[in-house]
Amino acid sequence: MGALVQGEERSAGRRKRLAVGKASATARTLCQGEQRALASFIAGRLPAGQLHGELCRARELALAKAAAQP
């Protein structure tokens, strides 16, 4: 029975590492404005109620810049 519990712990650790790996891949796709908004929120300079609006505004700006480039 000890081996079963130990095996379950190993698989749980593997799932956790996979989940963390997926989260970090998402973080790398944030545009600079989104990163700035999140950093301001984490630092306490941006209220939670304004975070969504700032993230949307930053993404729209990044998409507009990308569309304007030849």
C-alpha atoms as a PDB file:
ATOM      1  CA  MET A   1       0.000   0.000   0.000  1.00  0.00           C
ATOM      2  CA  GLY A   2       2.946   2.319   0.621  1.00  0.00           C
ATOM      3  CA  ALA A   3       4.058   1.933  -3.007  1.00  0.00           C
ATOM      4  CA  LEU A   4       0.616   2.969  -4.230  1.00  0.00           C
ATOM      5  CA  VAL A   5       0.650   6.152  -2.178  1.00  0.00           C
ATOM      6  CA  GLN A   6       4.187   6.917  -3.302  1.00  0.00           C
ATOM      7  CA  GLY A   7       3.195   6.408  -6.962  1.00  0.00           C
ATOM      8  CA  GLU A   8       0.223   8.716  -6.530  1.00  0.00           C
ATOM      9  CA  GLU A   9       2.510  11.384  -5.066  1.00  0.00           C
ATOM     10  CA  ARG A  10       4.829  11.096  -8.054  1.00  0.00           C
ATOM     11  CA  SER A  11       1.996  11.480 -10.559  1.00  0.00           C
ATOM     12  CA  ALA A  12       0.591  14.447  -8.646  1.00  0.00           C
ATOM     13  CA  GLY A  13       4.008  16.119  -8.767  1.00  0.00           C
ATOM     14  CA  ARG A  14       4.245  15.473 -12.497  1.00  0.00           C
ATOM     15  CA  ARG A  15       0.805  17.001 -13.103  1.00  0.00           C
ATOM     16  CA  LYS A  16       1.795  20.055 -11.076  1.00  0.00           C
ATOM     17  CA  ARG A  17       5.002  20.522 -13.089  1.00  0.00           C
ATOM     18  CA  LEU A  18       3.054  20.212 -16.348  1.00  0.00           C
ATOM     19  CA  ALA A  19       0.524  22.788 -15.179  1.00  0.00           C
ATOM     20  CA  VAL A  20       3.274  25.217 -14.176  1.00  0.00           C
ATOM     21  CA  GLY A  21       4.953  24.749 -17.554  1.00  0.00           C
ATOM     22  CA  LYS A  22       1.732  25.603 -19.354  1.00  0.00           C
ATOM     23  CA  ALA A  23       1.197  28.708 -17.246  1.00  0.00           C
ATOM     24  CA  SER A  24       4.657  30.055 -17.963  1.00  0.00           C
ATOM     25  CA  ALA A  25       4.147  29.605 -21.720  1.00  0.00           C
ATOM     26  CA  THR A  26       1.042  31.780 -21.480  1.00  0.00           C
ATOM     27  CA  ALA A  27       2.905  34.479 -19.582  1.00  0.00           C
ATOM     28  CA  ARG A  28       5.460  34.759 -22.385  1.00  0.00           C
ATOM     29  CA  THR A  29       2.744  35.704 -24.877  1.00  0.00           C
ATOM     30  CA  LEU A  30       1.694  38.868 -23.045  1.00  0.00           C
ATOM     31  CA  CYS A  31       2.380  42.104 -24.847  1.00  0.00           C
ATOM     32  CA  GLN A  32       4.415  44.804 -23.128  1.00  0.00           C
ATOM     33  CA  GLY A  33       1.335  46.805 -22.132  1.00  0.00           C
ATOM     34  CA  GLU A  34      -0.294  43.756 -20.567  1.00  0.00           C
ATOM     35  CA  GLN A  35       2.879  42.989 -18.640  1.00  0.00           C
ATOM     36  CA  ARG A  36       2.979  46.577 -17.406  1.00  0.00           C
ATOM     37  CA  ALA A  37      -0.677  46.440 -16.286  1.00  0.00           C
ATOM     38  CA  LEU A  38      -0.145  43.174 -14.420  1.00  0.00           C
ATOM     39  CA  ALA A  39       3.008  44.495 -12.777  1.00  0.00           C
ATOM     40  CA  SER A  40       1.110  47.593 -11.625  1.00  0.00           C
ATOM     41  CA  PHE A  41      -1.679  45.416 -10.229  1.00  0.00           C
ATOM     42  CA  ILE A  42       0.735  43.139  -8.376  1.00  0.00           C
ATOM     43  CA  ALA A  43       2.591  46.152  -6.972  1.00  0.00           C
ATOM     44  CA  GLY A  44      -0.707  47.563  -5.691  1.00  0.00           C
ATOM     45  CA  ARG A  45      -0.774  50.600  -7.970  1.00  0.00           C
ATOM     46  CA  LEU A  46      -3.734  49.395 -10.068  1.00  0.00           C
ATOM     47  CA  PRO A  47      -7.057  48.448  -8.439  1.00  0.00           C
ATOM     48  CA  ALA A  48      -8.550  45.070  -9.342  1.00  0.00           C
ATOM     49  CA  GLY A  49     -11.595  46.766 -10.874  1.00  0.00           C
ATOM     50  CA  GLN A  50      -9.425  48.513 -13.461  1.00  0.00           C
ATOM     51  CA  LEU A  51      -7.202  45.562 -14.345  1.00  0.00           C
ATOM     52  CA  HIS A  52      -9.502  44.046 -16.983  1.00  0.00           C
ATOM     53  CA  GLY A  53      -9.925  47.373 -18.770  1.00  0.00           C
ATOM     54  CA  GLU A  54      -6.191  48.017 -18.818  1.00  0.00           C
ATOM     55  CA  LEU A  55      -5.460  44.522 -20.141  1.00  0.00           C
ATOM     56  CA  CYS A  56      -8.062  44.930 -22.912  1.00  0.00           C
ATOM     57  CA  ARG A  57      -6.727  48.365 -23.825  1.00  0.00           C
ATOM     58  CA  ALA A  58      -3.149  47.082 -23.961  1.00  0.00           C
ATOM     59  CA  ARG A  59      -4.130  44.112 -26.161  1.00  0.00           C
ATOM     60  CA  GLU A  60      -6.105  46.357 -28.548  1.00  0.00           C
ATOM     61  CA  LEU A  61      -3.118  48.690 -28.859  1.00  0.00           C
ATOM     62  CA  ALA A  62      -0.765  45.776 -29.564  1.00  0.00           C
ATOM     63  CA  LEU A  63      -3.119  44.378 -32.222  1.00  0.00           C
ATOM     64  CA  ALA A  64      -3.457  47.805 -33.854  1.00  0.00           C
ATOM     65  CA  LYS A  65       0.335  48.185 -33.976  1.00  0.00           C
ATOM     66  CA  ALA A  66       0.711  44.719 -35.489  1.00  0.00           C
ATOM     67  CA  ALA A  67      -1.932  45.446 -38.132  1.00  0.00           C
ATOM     68  CA  ALA A  68      -0.283  48.765 -39.044  1.00  0.00           C
ATOM     69  CA  GLN A  69       3.107  47.175 -39.725  1.00  0.00           C
ATOM     70  CA  PRO A  70       3.697  46.111 -43.353  1.00  0.00           C
END
